[in-house]
Amino acid sequence: MQIYEHSDTAFPLFFGFSMSGIYYLVIVVGSV
């Protein structure tokens, strides 16, 4: 569980690609 707290990007990257990488990518890019 340290990975989630360590880096918020790690969660969307692993979970995102598993379900919908494009959806998370848009959020990350929009956030940045």
C-alpha atoms as a PDB file:
ATOM      1  CA  MET A   1       0.000   0.000   0.000  1.00  0.00           C
ATOM      2  CA  GLN A   2       3.046   2.236   0.259  1.00  0.00           C
ATOM      3  CA  ILE A   3       3.058   2.572  -3.531  1.00  0.00           C
ATOM      4  CA  TYR A   4      -0.272   4.452  -3.498  1.00  0.00           C
ATOM      5  CA  GLU A   5       0.874   6.913  -0.841  1.00  0.00           C
ATOM      6  CA  HIS A   6       4.375   7.116  -2.260  1.00  0.00           C
ATOM      7  CA  SER A   7       3.236   8.182  -5.712  1.00  0.00           C
ATOM      8  CA  ASP A   8      -0.297   9.012  -6.871  1.00  0.00           C
ATOM      9  CA  THR A   9       0.870   8.384 -10.436  1.00  0.00           C
ATOM     10  CA  ALA A  10       1.725   4.749  -9.693  1.00  0.00           C
ATOM     11  CA  PHE A  11      -1.917   3.889  -8.911  1.00  0.00           C
ATOM     12  CA  PRO A  12      -3.476   5.315 -12.112  1.00  0.00           C
ATOM     13  CA  LEU A  13      -0.635   3.878 -14.193  1.00  0.00           C
ATOM     14  CA  PHE A  14      -1.063   0.304 -12.955  1.00  0.00           C
ATOM     15  CA  PHE A  15      -4.827   0.354 -12.355  1.00  0.00           C
ATOM     16  CA  GLY A  16      -5.454   2.653 -15.302  1.00  0.00           C
ATOM     17  CA  PHE A  17      -3.787   0.438 -17.899  1.00  0.00           C
ATOM     18  CA  SER A  18      -5.579  -2.543 -16.370  1.00  0.00           C
ATOM     19  CA  MET A  19      -9.023  -0.958 -16.846  1.00  0.00           C
ATOM     20  CA  SER A  20      -8.867   2.234 -18.923  1.00  0.00           C
ATOM     21  CA  GLY A  21      -5.427   3.752 -19.427  1.00  0.00           C
ATOM     22  CA  ILE A  22      -6.756   6.406 -21.788  1.00  0.00           C
ATOM     23  CA  TYR A  23      -9.272   7.654 -19.208  1.00  0.00           C
ATOM     24  CA  TYR A  24      -6.603   8.048 -16.525  1.00  0.00           C
ATOM     25  CA  LEU A  25      -4.105   9.515 -18.983  1.00  0.00           C
ATOM     26  CA  VAL A  26      -6.563  12.308 -19.795  1.00  0.00           C
ATOM     27  CA  ILE A  27      -7.033  13.083 -16.105  1.00  0.00           C
ATOM     28  CA  VAL A  28      -3.285  13.104 -15.428  1.00  0.00           C
ATOM     29  CA  VAL A  29      -2.558  15.319 -18.434  1.00  0.00           C
ATOM     30  CA  GLY A  30      -5.437  17.634 -17.515  1.00  0.00           C
ATOM     31  CA  SER A  31      -4.236  17.816 -13.920  1.00  0.00           C
ATOM     32  CA  VAL A  32      -0.711  18.715 -14.983  1.00  0.00           C
END
